[in-house]
């Protein structure tokens, strides 16, 4: 008998694309899929290129056991398609390099490799993640810290309303500390829909 996966905590229908949803990461069912993503060259900034399945399991077990960090598997029409991590900056290394404000939430995103590329898919994933984060009334601002070399995610961050704050040194990278408030995201969302 197959074990039931966790129910989605957020779901969004995107016209012309289908349903995107987020559910809690399932350590038993999802580790192999995630391992197949993080060990591909495009995911080099995730820092797990040489990781074994056991390494990925250990990392996500650590996250599962944390009270301040959660992982979610994103699905496209019920199939695994992306990963989102939500974390409290005050309990993370990034919280040591800026003054954390009440209502700040940190986020990491990784889109799985496309079986068939779909125009606008990554942007739709990112909007789903931002919508889910801002659906929490306690969240006022999203914090990201991409590697300074990762220009693709920086461009997507800016398109979604993030503003670069400063380059910071974290244990494993130099990163662009960037922030996006509810209003900045709403303004960017309106511009993206208009243009």
Foldseek 3Di string as FASTA:
>chain_A
DDDDFFDFPAWDADPPFGIKTKGFDDLVPCLVVVLVFCLDPVNVQVVCVPPDSVRSSVVQVVQVPDPFKTKIFMDGVNHGWKIKMKGQLCPDQNCVVDPDDFQEIEMDMDTGDDPDDDPPPVLVVVVRVVVVSVVPVRHFKYKYWGAPVCVVVVVSCVLQQKDFDDFDDGPPHTTGIIMHGPVSRVVSVVVVVVD
